[in-house]
C-alpha cells in the first residue's frame, strides 16, 4: 500500500472527504515531488491525488513519474481548490493546522466545503521509516561522520568558529549534501557552555573544548550529529564531564527499544548526570526524531514526555550534554534506529574524546 493509499484509507475514519496538504516535506513524503512552500498544495480525496501549482512547475509536473498523482496548473490556487472540491463533491475538507492565519483566512473565505484542522496527521505517518528512508538516513549519517573526520584535520589554534563552519559546509556540499538542515553550531571555549551558540568570529585557542553540531540533507533526509573535541591541553574537569556525558549517551542508547516511554529513556541518562552533580547543567531534552526534517516526531523527549512511546523503525537522536558557565560544555549526539532487536546506531564517528594537538 502506498503512502497516499494509506492516507486515503484513513479519510472516512477522520470524517473528512479530502485533505489539503501544504507542508512541503509532507507533500514530498506522500508524492516524491518537491514543491516549495507557498507554491501550491496536494489535495488527497478518496480516489484522487492532485497537485495544484502554477506554470513555473508545469514542465516538472509533466515529467513527474507518479501514476497516483495528477497536476492542475493555476495561479488561483485556492479558487481552483474550491472548484475541484465542488466537482468531486467534497463537503468536508481537512487542512494542516500549521498553515498561516492569512491562508486560513483565504480558505475560510473561498471554500464552500466545511474546513477542519488536523494536527500532525502526516507527521505521525513520517515517524515510522521504511527501508528506503533508513538507507537514506544511513547515507546522511555516514557523510556527516566523514565530514567530522575532515574538519578535525583542519583544526588549529587561531582558526575561527566561522571558518570551521564554512569549511565544513563546503566539504559536505562537495561530497553529496544538498544543504544544511540548520545553521551549524561551532562553539569553542566558554561558548561551548551555550547549547545553541552560533558560529562566531572567535578564534579557537589552545585549551578550548569545541562542540560541533551539524546536520545535512542527503537525498532528502538529514542526519543530526554532535561531537565535542579538545584543542591542546584542556581542563581536567572538562575531561571528567566528557566521560560522564559519553557514558550517559551510551546508557540511553542501550535502553532504546520498542515500547519504551520518552521520560523513562531520558531518566537513564539524566539520573547519571545528576548523580555526578551536574543536574542543573543539563538543561534540554535527551533527543528528538529526525528524517525529512531535523526535528520530527517525537519533537522532543525528556522528563515530562510520558506520552511519547517509541515504535519500530523510528529514528531518534540521543544527545545528553553538560554546560558549565565560564568553563565550557560537552554534548555528544548520535542518530539511532528503534528496532525490535534493540538500538541500531547510524552515526559512525568515534565518541572517545579526541584532542587536536598544536
C-alpha atoms as a PDB file:
ATOM      1  CA  UNK A   1       0.000   0.000   0.000  1.00  0.00           C
ATOM      2  CA  UNK A   2       1.409   3.390  -0.982  1.00  0.00           C
ATOM      3  CA  UNK A   3       1.567   6.360   1.381  1.00  0.00           C
ATOM      4  CA  UNK A   4      -1.251   8.080  -0.475  1.00  0.00           C
ATOM      5  CA  UNK A   5      -3.397   4.928  -0.264  1.00  0.00           C
ATOM      6  CA  UNK A   6      -2.738   4.710   3.476  1.00  0.00           C
ATOM      7  CA  UNK A   7      -3.908   8.296   3.856  1.00  0.00           C
ATOM      8  CA  UNK A   8      -6.961   7.746   1.644  1.00  0.00           C
ATOM      9  CA  UNK A   9      -7.953   4.740   3.724  1.00  0.00           C
ATOM     10  CA  UNK A  10      -7.999   6.952   6.827  1.00  0.00           C
ATOM     11  CA  UNK A  11     -10.195   9.727   5.439  1.00  0.00           C
ATOM     12  CA  UNK A  12     -13.566   8.137   6.380  1.00  0.00           C
ATOM     13  CA  UNK A  13     -12.329   7.477   9.930  1.00  0.00           C
ATOM     14  CA  UNK A  14     -11.385  11.152  10.180  1.00  0.00           C
ATOM     15  CA  UNK A  15     -14.878  12.151   8.966  1.00  0.00           C
ATOM     16  CA  UNK A  16     -13.491  14.188   6.075  1.00  0.00           C
ATOM     17  CA  UNK A  17     -13.861  13.794   2.319  1.00  0.00           C
ATOM     18  CA  UNK A  18     -10.416  15.169   1.474  1.00  0.00           C
ATOM     19  CA  UNK A  19      -7.238  16.645   2.925  1.00  0.00           C
ATOM     20  CA  UNK A  20      -5.295  19.594   1.530  1.00  0.00           C
ATOM     21  CA  UNK A  21      -1.566  19.241   2.269  1.00  0.00           C
ATOM     22  CA  UNK A  22       0.503  22.437   2.213  1.00  0.00           C
ATOM     23  CA  UNK A  23       3.643  21.435   4.144  1.00  0.00           C
ATOM     24  CA  UNK A  24       6.417  20.872   1.526  1.00  0.00           C
ATOM     25  CA  UNK A  25       8.001  17.978   3.434  1.00  0.00           C
ATOM     26  CA  UNK A  26       4.618  16.269   3.725  1.00  0.00           C
ATOM     27  CA  UNK A  27       3.920  16.732   0.008  1.00  0.00           C
ATOM     28  CA  UNK A  28       7.330  15.226  -0.765  1.00  0.00           C
ATOM     29  CA  UNK A  29       6.719  12.361   1.655  1.00  0.00           C
ATOM     30  CA  UNK A  30       3.404  11.457   0.036  1.00  0.00           C
ATOM     31  CA  UNK A  31       4.328  12.006  -3.621  1.00  0.00           C
ATOM     32  CA  UNK A  32       8.095  12.378  -4.091  1.00  0.00           C
ATOM     33  CA  UNK A  33       7.575  15.789  -5.715  1.00  0.00           C
ATOM     34  CA  UNK A  34       9.463  18.849  -4.478  1.00  0.00           C
ATOM     35  CA  UNK A  35       7.145  21.842  -4.202  1.00  0.00           C
ATOM     36  CA  UNK A  36       8.458  24.915  -2.426  1.00  0.00           C
ATOM     37  CA  UNK A  37       6.472  26.382   0.460  1.00  0.00           C
ATOM     38  CA  UNK A  38       3.675  28.619  -0.787  1.00  0.00           C
ATOM     39  CA  UNK A  39       3.852  27.348  -4.373  1.00  0.00           C
ATOM     40  CA  UNK A  40       0.732  25.201  -4.235  1.00  0.00           C
ATOM     41  CA  UNK A  41      -0.580  22.131  -2.452  1.00  0.00           C
ATOM     42  CA  UNK A  42      -1.569  18.479  -2.694  1.00  0.00           C
ATOM     43  CA  UNK A  43      -5.252  17.575  -2.495  1.00  0.00           C
ATOM     44  CA  UNK A  44      -5.971  13.983  -1.458  1.00  0.00           C
ATOM     45  CA  UNK A  45      -9.518  12.660  -1.841  1.00  0.00           C
ATOM     46  CA  UNK A  46     -10.853   9.125  -1.574  1.00  0.00           C
ATOM     47  CA  UNK A  47      -9.851   8.367  -5.180  1.00  0.00           C
ATOM     48  CA  UNK A  48      -7.587  11.207  -6.272  1.00  0.00           C
ATOM     49  CA  UNK A  49      -4.269  12.892  -5.531  1.00  0.00           C
ATOM     50  CA  UNK A  50      -3.959  16.272  -7.239  1.00  0.00           C
ATOM     51  CA  UNK A  51      -1.035  18.695  -7.094  1.00  0.00           C
ATOM     52  CA  UNK A  52      -2.088  22.259  -7.814  1.00  0.00           C
ATOM     53  CA  UNK A  53       0.640  24.728  -8.703  1.00  0.00           C
ATOM     54  CA  UNK A  54       1.388  27.401 -11.299  1.00  0.00           C
ATOM     55  CA  UNK A  55       3.089  27.301 -14.686  1.00  0.00           C
ATOM     56  CA  UNK A  56       6.580  27.565 -13.162  1.00  0.00           C
ATOM     57  CA  UNK A  57       6.152  23.871 -12.272  1.00  0.00           C
ATOM     58  CA  UNK A  58       4.350  22.828 -15.461  1.00  0.00           C
ATOM     59  CA  UNK A  59       7.326  21.111 -17.098  1.00  0.00           C
ATOM     60  CA  UNK A  60       8.490  19.457 -13.875  1.00  0.00           C
ATOM     61  CA  UNK A  61       4.995  18.113 -13.223  1.00  0.00           C
ATOM     62  CA  UNK A  62       4.672  16.897 -16.813  1.00  0.00           C
ATOM     63  CA  UNK A  63       7.903  14.943 -16.362  1.00  0.00           C
ATOM     64  CA  UNK A  64       6.953  13.711 -12.879  1.00  0.00           C
ATOM     65  CA  UNK A  65       6.671   9.934 -12.959  1.00  0.00           C
ATOM     66  CA  UNK A  66       3.932   9.024 -10.498  1.00  0.00           C
ATOM     67  CA  UNK A  67       0.786   7.252 -11.675  1.00  0.00           C
ATOM     68  CA  UNK A  68      -1.107   8.195  -8.489  1.00  0.00           C
ATOM     69  CA  UNK A  69      -0.730  11.948  -8.893  1.00  0.00           C
ATOM     70  CA  UNK A  70      -2.206  14.314 -11.466  1.00  0.00           C
ATOM     71  CA  UNK A  71      -1.492  18.015 -11.789  1.00  0.00           C
ATOM     72  CA  UNK A  72      -3.580  21.123 -12.231  1.00  0.00           C
ATOM     73  CA  UNK A  73      -1.890  24.359 -13.308  1.00  0.00           C
ATOM     74  CA  UNK A  74      -3.453  27.527 -11.950  1.00  0.00           C
ATOM     75  CA  UNK A  75      -2.305  30.806 -10.449  1.00  0.00           C
ATOM     76  CA  UNK A  76      -5.567  30.957  -8.494  1.00  0.00           C
ATOM     77  CA  UNK A  77      -4.553  28.155  -6.120  1.00  0.00           C
ATOM     78  CA  UNK A  78      -7.474  28.256  -3.737  1.00  0.00           C
ATOM     79  CA  UNK A  79     -10.122  29.246  -6.245  1.00  0.00           C
ATOM     80  CA  UNK A  80      -9.023  26.062  -8.064  1.00  0.00           C
ATOM     81  CA  UNK A  81      -9.248  24.139  -4.791  1.00  0.00           C
ATOM     82  CA  UNK A  82     -12.854  25.203  -4.317  1.00  0.00           C
ATOM     83  CA  UNK A  83     -13.763  24.328  -7.907  1.00  0.00           C
ATOM     84  CA  UNK A  84     -12.131  20.881  -7.662  1.00  0.00           C
ATOM     85  CA  UNK A  85     -13.817  20.154  -4.318  1.00  0.00           C
ATOM     86  CA  UNK A  86     -17.179  21.204  -5.716  1.00  0.00           C
ATOM     87  CA  UNK A  87     -16.730  18.949  -8.770  1.00  0.00           C
ATOM     88  CA  UNK A  88     -15.636  15.986  -6.610  1.00  0.00           C
ATOM     89  CA  UNK A  89     -18.479  16.592  -4.114  1.00  0.00           C
ATOM     90  CA  UNK A  90     -16.124  17.280  -1.200  1.00  0.00           C
ATOM     91  CA  UNK A  91     -18.256  18.705   1.591  1.00  0.00           C
ATOM     92  CA  UNK A  92     -15.762  18.435   4.469  1.00  0.00           C
ATOM     93  CA  UNK A  93     -12.119  19.375   3.809  1.00  0.00           C
ATOM     94  CA  UNK A  94      -9.295  18.780   6.266  1.00  0.00           C
ATOM     95  CA  UNK A  95      -6.271  21.054   6.389  1.00  0.00           C
ATOM     96  CA  UNK A  96      -2.978  21.127   8.293  1.00  0.00           C
ATOM     97  CA  UNK A  97      -3.175  23.369  11.341  1.00  0.00           C
ATOM     98  CA  UNK A  98       0.345  24.679  10.702  1.00  0.00           C
ATOM     99  CA  UNK A  99      -0.906  26.985   7.937  1.00  0.00           C
ATOM    100  CA  UNK A 100      -0.634  30.737   8.436  1.00  0.00           C
ATOM    101  CA  UNK A 101      -3.593  32.747   9.636  1.00  0.00           C
ATOM    102  CA  UNK A 102      -3.520  34.524   6.281  1.00  0.00           C
ATOM    103  CA  UNK A 103      -4.025  31.230   4.434  1.00  0.00           C
ATOM    104  CA  UNK A 104      -6.710  30.170   6.897  1.00  0.00           C
ATOM    105  CA  UNK A 105      -8.491  33.434   6.158  1.00  0.00           C
ATOM    106  CA  UNK A 106      -8.344  32.633   2.429  1.00  0.00           C
ATOM    107  CA  UNK A 107      -9.733  29.124   2.938  1.00  0.00           C
ATOM    108  CA  UNK A 108     -12.458  30.412   5.223  1.00  0.00           C
ATOM    109  CA  UNK A 109     -13.458  32.978   2.620  1.00  0.00           C
ATOM    110  CA  UNK A 110     -13.172  30.866  -0.551  1.00  0.00           C
ATOM    111  CA  UNK A 111     -14.184  27.332   0.370  1.00  0.00           C
ATOM    112  CA  UNK A 112     -17.790  26.203   0.097  1.00  0.00           C
ATOM    113  CA  UNK A 113     -16.881  22.980   1.908  1.00  0.00           C
ATOM    114  CA  UNK A 114     -16.567  22.936   5.677  1.00  0.00           C
ATOM    115  CA  UNK A 115     -12.894  23.122   6.720  1.00  0.00           C
ATOM    116  CA  UNK A 116     -11.486  21.137   9.657  1.00  0.00           C
ATOM    117  CA  UNK A 117      -7.949  21.456  11.130  1.00  0.00           C
ATOM    118  CA  UNK A 118      -5.686  18.452  11.755  1.00  0.00           C
ATOM    119  CA  UNK A 119      -2.534  18.330  13.857  1.00  0.00           C
ATOM    120  CA  UNK A 120       0.484  16.209  12.830  1.00  0.00           C
ATOM    121  CA  UNK A 121      -1.576  13.882  10.649  1.00  0.00           C
ATOM    122  CA  UNK A 122       1.141  13.264   8.046  1.00  0.00           C
ATOM    123  CA  UNK A 123       3.924  13.837  10.571  1.00  0.00           C
ATOM    124  CA  UNK A 124       2.724  10.795  12.522  1.00  0.00           C
ATOM    125  CA  UNK A 125       2.982   8.716   9.355  1.00  0.00           C
ATOM    126  CA  UNK A 126       6.519  10.031   8.847  1.00  0.00           C
ATOM    127  CA  UNK A 127       7.618   8.800  12.279  1.00  0.00           C
ATOM    128  CA  UNK A 128       7.924   5.204  11.065  1.00  0.00           C
ATOM    129  CA  UNK A 129      10.646   4.863   8.426  1.00  0.00           C
ATOM    130  CA  UNK A 130      10.659   2.308   5.618  1.00  0.00           C
ATOM    131  CA  UNK A 131      13.798   0.593   4.328  1.00  0.00           C
ATOM    132  CA  UNK A 132      14.468   3.251   1.696  1.00  0.00           C
ATOM    133  CA  UNK A 133      14.217   6.029   4.266  1.00  0.00           C
ATOM    134  CA  UNK A 134      16.573   4.196   6.619  1.00  0.00           C
ATOM    135  CA  UNK A 135      19.066   3.743   3.793  1.00  0.00           C
ATOM    136  CA  UNK A 136      18.968   7.467   3.040  1.00  0.00           C
ATOM    137  CA  UNK A 137      19.419   8.323   6.701  1.00  0.00           C
ATOM    138  CA  UNK A 138      22.411   5.994   6.819  1.00  0.00           C
ATOM    139  CA  UNK A 139      23.879   7.846   3.825  1.00  0.00           C
ATOM    140  CA  UNK A 140      23.369  11.152   5.609  1.00  0.00           C
ATOM    141  CA  UNK A 141      24.952   9.956   8.848  1.00  0.00           C
ATOM    142  CA  UNK A 142      27.871   8.335   7.005  1.00  0.00           C
ATOM    143  CA  UNK A 143      28.602  11.601   5.209  1.00  0.00           C
ATOM    144  CA  UNK A 144      28.355  13.545   8.477  1.00  0.00           C
ATOM    145  CA  UNK A 145      30.850  11.196  10.094  1.00  0.00           C
ATOM    146  CA  UNK A 146      33.233  11.637   7.165  1.00  0.00           C
ATOM    147  CA  UNK A 147      32.778  15.390   7.371  1.00  0.00           C
ATOM    148  CA  UNK A 148      33.715  15.310  11.043  1.00  0.00           C
ATOM    149  CA  UNK A 149      36.950  13.478  10.288  1.00  0.00           C
ATOM    150  CA  UNK A 150      37.715  16.016   7.560  1.00  0.00           C
ATOM    151  CA  UNK A 151      37.154  19.074   9.728  1.00  0.00           C
ATOM    152  CA  UNK A 152      39.301  17.662  12.535  1.00  0.00           C
ATOM    153  CA  UNK A 153      42.203  17.713  10.074  1.00  0.00           C
ATOM    154  CA  UNK A 154      41.614  21.451   9.521  1.00  0.00           C
ATOM    155  CA  UNK A 155      41.532  22.499  13.177  1.00  0.00           C
ATOM    156  CA  UNK A 156      44.425  24.512  14.571  1.00  0.00           C
ATOM    157  CA  UNK A 157      44.740  27.284  17.165  1.00  0.00           C
ATOM    158  CA  UNK A 158      43.725  30.568  15.586  1.00  0.00           C
ATOM    159  CA  UNK A 159      41.130  29.248  13.158  1.00  0.00           C
ATOM    160  CA  UNK A 160      37.765  30.873  13.882  1.00  0.00           C
ATOM    161  CA  UNK A 161      34.490  29.144  14.605  1.00  0.00           C
ATOM    162  CA  UNK A 162      33.020  30.678  11.458  1.00  0.00           C
ATOM    163  CA  UNK A 163      35.895  29.391   9.315  1.00  0.00           C
ATOM    164  CA  UNK A 164      35.310  25.879  10.670  1.00  0.00           C
ATOM    165  CA  UNK A 165      31.592  26.086   9.822  1.00  0.00           C
ATOM    166  CA  UNK A 166      32.318  27.419   6.327  1.00  0.00           C
ATOM    167  CA  UNK A 167      34.950  24.787   5.546  1.00  0.00           C
ATOM    168  CA  UNK A 168      32.651  22.002   6.759  1.00  0.00           C
ATOM    169  CA  UNK A 169      29.775  23.415   4.692  1.00  0.00           C
ATOM    170  CA  UNK A 170      31.884  23.446   1.535  1.00  0.00           C
ATOM    171  CA  UNK A 171      33.176  19.905   2.096  1.00  0.00           C
ATOM    172  CA  UNK A 172      29.733  18.464   2.833  1.00  0.00           C
ATOM    173  CA  UNK A 173      28.212  20.002  -0.297  1.00  0.00           C
ATOM    174  CA  UNK A 174      31.158  18.932  -2.435  1.00  0.00           C
ATOM    175  CA  UNK A 175      30.652  15.340  -1.267  1.00  0.00           C
ATOM    176  CA  UNK A 176      26.926  14.891  -1.815  1.00  0.00           C
ATOM    177  CA  UNK A 177      24.947  17.014   0.659  1.00  0.00           C
ATOM    178  CA  UNK A 178      22.345  19.367  -0.783  1.00  0.00           C
ATOM    179  CA  UNK A 179      22.170  21.822   2.112  1.00  0.00           C
ATOM    180  CA  UNK A 180      22.378  22.177   5.867  1.00  0.00           C
ATOM    181  CA  UNK A 181      19.241  21.342   7.845  1.00  0.00           C
ATOM    182  CA  UNK A 182      20.071  24.028  10.444  1.00  0.00           C
ATOM    183  CA  UNK A 183      22.860  26.579  10.986  1.00  0.00           C
ATOM    184  CA  UNK A 184      25.966  24.665  12.026  1.00  0.00           C
ATOM    185  CA  UNK A 185      26.962  25.160  15.666  1.00  0.00           C
ATOM    186  CA  UNK A 186      30.677  25.618  16.318  1.00  0.00           C
ATOM    187  CA  UNK A 187      31.108  26.622  19.970  1.00  0.00           C
ATOM    188  CA  UNK A 188      34.583  26.819  21.494  1.00  0.00           C
ATOM    189  CA  UNK A 189      35.870  27.610  24.960  1.00  0.00           C
ATOM    190  CA  UNK A 190      33.309  29.428  27.097  1.00  0.00           C
ATOM    191  CA  UNK A 191      30.954  29.495  24.081  1.00  0.00           C
ATOM    192  CA  UNK A 192      30.588  25.710  24.375  1.00  0.00           C
ATOM    193  CA  UNK A 193      28.628  26.284  27.585  1.00  0.00           C
ATOM    194  CA  UNK A 194      25.815  27.689  25.396  1.00  0.00           C
ATOM    195  CA  UNK A 195      23.840  24.754  23.929  1.00  0.00           C
ATOM    196  CA  UNK A 196      22.694  26.730  20.863  1.00  0.00           C
ATOM    197  CA  UNK A 197      25.634  29.062  20.313  1.00  0.00           C
ATOM    198  CA  UNK A 198      26.136  30.110  16.704  1.00  0.00           C
ATOM    199  CA  UNK A 199      29.487  30.098  14.915  1.00  0.00           C
ATOM    200  CA  UNK A 200      31.208  33.397  15.618  1.00  0.00           C
ATOM    201  CA  UNK A 201      34.493  35.092  14.737  1.00  0.00           C
ATOM    202  CA  UNK A 202      36.022  33.843  17.987  1.00  0.00           C
ATOM    203  CA  UNK A 203      39.376  32.114  17.345  1.00  0.00           C
ATOM    204  CA  UNK A 204      39.686  28.559  18.641  1.00  0.00           C
ATOM    205  CA  UNK A 205      42.550  28.514  21.115  1.00  0.00           C
ATOM    206  CA  UNK A 206      44.748  26.007  22.930  1.00  0.00           C
ATOM    207  CA  UNK A 207      42.837  24.667  25.948  1.00  0.00           C
ATOM    208  CA  UNK A 208      39.407  25.046  24.330  1.00  0.00           C
ATOM    209  CA  UNK A 209      36.841  22.330  24.018  1.00  0.00           C
ATOM    210  CA  UNK A 210      34.856  22.687  20.806  1.00  0.00           C
ATOM    211  CA  UNK A 211      31.286  21.494  20.307  1.00  0.00           C
ATOM    212  CA  UNK A 212      30.366  20.859  16.676  1.00  0.00           C
ATOM    213  CA  UNK A 213      26.673  20.233  15.988  1.00  0.00           C
ATOM    214  CA  UNK A 214      25.552  19.910  12.368  1.00  0.00           C
ATOM    215  CA  UNK A 215      23.120  18.212  10.008  1.00  0.00           C
ATOM    216  CA  UNK A 216      22.974  17.992   6.213  1.00  0.00           C
ATOM    217  CA  UNK A 217      20.431  16.650   3.759  1.00  0.00           C
ATOM    218  CA  UNK A 218      21.439  13.721   1.550  1.00  0.00           C
ATOM    219  CA  UNK A 219      18.772  12.508  -0.890  1.00  0.00           C
ATOM    220  CA  UNK A 220      16.127  14.408   1.043  1.00  0.00           C
ATOM    221  CA  UNK A 221      16.919  13.098   4.553  1.00  0.00           C
ATOM    222  CA  UNK A 222      19.045  14.719   7.226  1.00  0.00           C
ATOM    223  CA  UNK A 223      21.412  13.475   9.877  1.00  0.00           C
ATOM    224  CA  UNK A 224      21.926  15.358  13.151  1.00  0.00           C
ATOM    225  CA  UNK A 225      25.286  14.830  14.814  1.00  0.00           C
ATOM    226  CA  UNK A 226      27.224  16.464  17.644  1.00  0.00           C
ATOM    227  CA  UNK A 227      30.778  15.833  18.716  1.00  0.00           C
ATOM    228  CA  UNK A 228      32.942  17.663  21.250  1.00  0.00           C
ATOM    229  CA  UNK A 229      36.730  17.621  20.967  1.00  0.00           C
ATOM    230  CA  UNK A 230      39.619  19.318  22.700  1.00  0.00           C
ATOM    231  CA  UNK A 231      42.431  21.507  21.407  1.00  0.00           C
ATOM    232  CA  UNK A 232      45.745  21.091  23.192  1.00  0.00           C
ATOM    233  CA  UNK A 233      45.663  20.800  26.976  1.00  0.00           C
ATOM    234  CA  UNK A 234      42.119  21.058  28.320  1.00  0.00           C
ATOM    235  CA  UNK A 235      40.854  21.479  31.879  1.00  0.00           C
ATOM    236  CA  UNK A 236      40.698  18.188  33.830  1.00  0.00           C
ATOM    237  CA  UNK A 237      37.103  18.919  34.853  1.00  0.00           C
ATOM    238  CA  UNK A 238      36.131  19.023  31.174  1.00  0.00           C
ATOM    239  CA  UNK A 239      37.733  15.612  30.683  1.00  0.00           C
ATOM    240  CA  UNK A 240      35.614  14.293  33.567  1.00  0.00           C
ATOM    241  CA  UNK A 241      32.493  15.937  32.151  1.00  0.00           C
ATOM    242  CA  UNK A 242      33.200  14.334  28.791  1.00  0.00           C
ATOM    243  CA  UNK A 243      33.305  10.873  30.375  1.00  0.00           C
ATOM    244  CA  UNK A 244      30.020  11.499  32.185  1.00  0.00           C
ATOM    245  CA  UNK A 245      28.245  12.709  29.035  1.00  0.00           C
ATOM    246  CA  UNK A 246      29.616   9.892  26.916  1.00  0.00           C
ATOM    247  CA  UNK A 247      28.576   7.291  29.471  1.00  0.00           C
ATOM    248  CA  UNK A 248      25.089   8.833  29.670  1.00  0.00           C
ATOM    249  CA  UNK A 249      24.824   8.766  25.860  1.00  0.00           C
ATOM    250  CA  UNK A 250      25.710   5.075  25.722  1.00  0.00           C
ATOM    251  CA  UNK A 251      23.446   4.093  28.608  1.00  0.00           C
ATOM    252  CA  UNK A 252      20.475   5.836  26.984  1.00  0.00           C
ATOM    253  CA  UNK A 253      21.207   4.122  23.660  1.00  0.00           C
ATOM    254  CA  UNK A 254      21.386   0.764  25.442  1.00  0.00           C
ATOM    255  CA  UNK A 255      17.788   1.272  26.623  1.00  0.00           C
ATOM    256  CA  UNK A 256      16.361   2.287  23.231  1.00  0.00           C
ATOM    257  CA  UNK A 257      13.695  -0.295  22.393  1.00  0.00           C
ATOM    258  CA  UNK A 258      10.183  -0.590  21.061  1.00  0.00           C
ATOM    259  CA  UNK A 259       7.608   0.475  23.646  1.00  0.00           C
ATOM    260  CA  UNK A 260       9.864   2.477  25.955  1.00  0.00           C
ATOM    261  CA  UNK A 261       8.453   5.844  27.022  1.00  0.00           C
ATOM    262  CA  UNK A 262      10.314   9.099  26.492  1.00  0.00           C
ATOM    263  CA  UNK A 263      10.539  10.084  30.146  1.00  0.00           C
ATOM    264  CA  UNK A 264      11.887   6.666  31.133  1.00  0.00           C
ATOM    265  CA  UNK A 265      14.514   6.778  28.395  1.00  0.00           C
ATOM    266  CA  UNK A 266      15.537  10.305  29.355  1.00  0.00           C
ATOM    267  CA  UNK A 267      15.838   9.349  33.033  1.00  0.00           C
ATOM    268  CA  UNK A 268      18.530   6.770  32.294  1.00  0.00           C
ATOM    269  CA  UNK A 269      20.996   9.465  31.243  1.00  0.00           C
ATOM    270  CA  UNK A 270      19.667  12.354  33.309  1.00  0.00           C
ATOM    271  CA  UNK A 271      19.983  10.458  36.600  1.00  0.00           C
ATOM    272  CA  UNK A 272      23.602   9.612  35.851  1.00  0.00           C
ATOM    273  CA  UNK A 273      24.360  13.280  35.136  1.00  0.00           C
ATOM    274  CA  UNK A 274      22.516  14.359  38.298  1.00  0.00           C
ATOM    275  CA  UNK A 275      24.383  11.823  40.437  1.00  0.00           C
ATOM    276  CA  UNK A 276      27.636  13.303  39.152  1.00  0.00           C
ATOM    277  CA  UNK A 277      26.466  16.704  40.437  1.00  0.00           C
ATOM    278  CA  UNK A 278      25.588  18.347  37.132  1.00  0.00           C
ATOM    279  CA  UNK A 279      21.785  18.141  37.117  1.00  0.00           C
ATOM    280  CA  UNK A 280      21.416  21.927  36.800  1.00  0.00           C
ATOM    281  CA  UNK A 281      23.907  21.959  33.919  1.00  0.00           C
ATOM    282  CA  UNK A 282      21.817  19.678  31.686  1.00  0.00           C
ATOM    283  CA  UNK A 283      19.031  21.958  30.513  1.00  0.00           C
ATOM    284  CA  UNK A 284      17.420  20.396  27.433  1.00  0.00           C
ATOM    285  CA  UNK A 285      15.692  17.209  26.319  1.00  0.00           C
ATOM    286  CA  UNK A 286      17.544  13.987  25.634  1.00  0.00           C
ATOM    287  CA  UNK A 287      16.710  13.970  21.927  1.00  0.00           C
ATOM    288  CA  UNK A 288      14.112  14.141  19.153  1.00  0.00           C
ATOM    289  CA  UNK A 289      13.018  12.477  15.936  1.00  0.00           C
ATOM    290  CA  UNK A 290      14.721  13.095  12.582  1.00  0.00           C
ATOM    291  CA  UNK A 291      14.016  12.304   8.927  1.00  0.00           C
ATOM    292  CA  UNK A 292      12.768  14.654   6.231  1.00  0.00           C
ATOM    293  CA  UNK A 293      13.193  17.405   8.828  1.00  0.00           C
ATOM    294  CA  UNK A 294      15.820  17.797  11.516  1.00  0.00           C
ATOM    295  CA  UNK A 295      13.063  17.877  14.143  1.00  0.00           C
ATOM    296  CA  UNK A 296      10.338  15.303  13.517  1.00  0.00           C
ATOM    297  CA  UNK A 297       8.059  13.487  15.914  1.00  0.00           C
ATOM    298  CA  UNK A 298       8.798  12.923  18.661  1.00  0.00           C
ATOM    299  CA  UNK A 299       9.626  16.645  18.703  1.00  0.00           C
ATOM    300  CA  UNK A 300      11.464  16.096  21.985  1.00  0.00           C
ATOM    301  CA  UNK A 301      11.679  13.528  24.737  1.00  0.00           C
ATOM    302  CA  UNK A 302      12.630  14.455  28.276  1.00  0.00           C
ATOM    303  CA  UNK A 303      11.431  14.321  31.882  1.00  0.00           C
ATOM    304  CA  UNK A 304       7.808  15.264  31.084  1.00  0.00           C
ATOM    305  CA  UNK A 305       7.204  13.114  27.995  1.00  0.00           C
ATOM    306  CA  UNK A 306       5.428  10.061  29.381  1.00  0.00           C
ATOM    307  CA  UNK A 307       3.105  10.323  26.362  1.00  0.00           C
ATOM    308  CA  UNK A 308       5.998   9.607  23.960  1.00  0.00           C
ATOM    309  CA  UNK A 309       6.314   5.888  23.165  1.00  0.00           C
ATOM    310  CA  UNK A 310       8.876   4.537  20.720  1.00  0.00           C
ATOM    311  CA  UNK A 311       7.867   2.389  17.751  1.00  0.00           C
ATOM    312  CA  UNK A 312       9.756   0.061  15.454  1.00  0.00           C
ATOM    313  CA  UNK A 313      11.763   1.904  12.771  1.00  0.00           C
ATOM    314  CA  UNK A 314      11.541   5.322  14.363  1.00  0.00           C
ATOM    315  CA  UNK A 315      14.804   7.271  14.201  1.00  0.00           C
ATOM    316  CA  UNK A 316      15.714   9.452  17.170  1.00  0.00           C
ATOM    317  CA  UNK A 317      18.708  11.390  18.399  1.00  0.00           C
ATOM    318  CA  UNK A 318      20.392  10.780  21.733  1.00  0.00           C
ATOM    319  CA  UNK A 319      22.198  13.950  22.827  1.00  0.00           C
ATOM    320  CA  UNK A 320      22.980  14.467  26.531  1.00  0.00           C
ATOM    321  CA  UNK A 321      25.071  17.475  27.485  1.00  0.00           C
ATOM    322  CA  UNK A 322      26.616  19.316  30.415  1.00  0.00           C
ATOM    323  CA  UNK A 323      27.220  23.073  30.212  1.00  0.00           C
ATOM    324  CA  UNK A 324      29.243  24.874  32.895  1.00  0.00           C
ATOM    325  CA  UNK A 325      29.284  28.671  32.566  1.00  0.00           C
ATOM    326  CA  UNK A 326      32.750  30.245  32.297  1.00  0.00           C
ATOM    327  CA  UNK A 327      34.297  26.783  31.833  1.00  0.00           C
ATOM    328  CA  UNK A 328      32.749  25.106  28.814  1.00  0.00           C
ATOM    329  CA  UNK A 329      30.371  22.389  27.779  1.00  0.00           C
ATOM    330  CA  UNK A 330      30.168  18.941  26.244  1.00  0.00           C
ATOM    331  CA  UNK A 331      27.435  17.439  24.068  1.00  0.00           C
ATOM    332  CA  UNK A 332      27.606  14.169  22.136  1.00  0.00           C
ATOM    333  CA  UNK A 333      24.811  13.183  19.763  1.00  0.00           C
ATOM    334  CA  UNK A 334      24.085  10.025  17.801  1.00  0.00           C
ATOM    335  CA  UNK A 335      21.228   9.084  15.472  1.00  0.00           C
ATOM    336  CA  UNK A 336      19.593   5.798  16.452  1.00  0.00           C
ATOM    337  CA  UNK A 337      17.014   3.486  14.838  1.00  0.00           C
ATOM    338  CA  UNK A 338      14.486   1.897  17.189  1.00  0.00           C
ATOM    339  CA  UNK A 339      14.055  -1.796  16.335  1.00  0.00           C
ATOM    340  CA  UNK A 340      12.548  -4.895  17.907  1.00  0.00           C
ATOM    341  CA  UNK A 341      16.097  -6.222  18.122  1.00  0.00           C
ATOM    342  CA  UNK A 342      17.358  -3.210  20.054  1.00  0.00           C
ATOM    343  CA  UNK A 343      19.073   0.028  19.034  1.00  0.00           C
ATOM    344  CA  UNK A 344      20.824   0.451  15.697  1.00  0.00           C
ATOM    345  CA  UNK A 345      23.256   3.365  15.829  1.00  0.00           C
ATOM    346  CA  UNK A 346      23.575   5.108  12.459  1.00  0.00           C
ATOM    347  CA  UNK A 347      26.293   7.579  13.469  1.00  0.00           C
ATOM    348  CA  UNK A 348      29.737   6.042  12.940  1.00  0.00           C
ATOM    349  CA  UNK A 349      32.082   8.846  14.094  1.00  0.00           C
ATOM    350  CA  UNK A 350      34.056   7.914  17.227  1.00  0.00           C
ATOM    351  CA  UNK A 351      32.748   9.069  20.591  1.00  0.00           C
ATOM    352  CA  UNK A 352      36.015   8.855  22.554  1.00  0.00           C
ATOM    353  CA  UNK A 353      37.484  12.232  23.451  1.00  0.00           C
ATOM    354  CA  UNK A 354      39.754  13.378  20.637  1.00  0.00           C
ATOM    355  CA  UNK A 355      42.433  16.003  21.279  1.00  0.00           C
ATOM    356  CA  UNK A 356      43.765  18.096  18.389  1.00  0.00           C
ATOM    357  CA  UNK A 357      47.383  18.910  19.125  1.00  0.00           C
ATOM    358  CA  UNK A 358      49.002  22.221  18.216  1.00  0.00           C
END
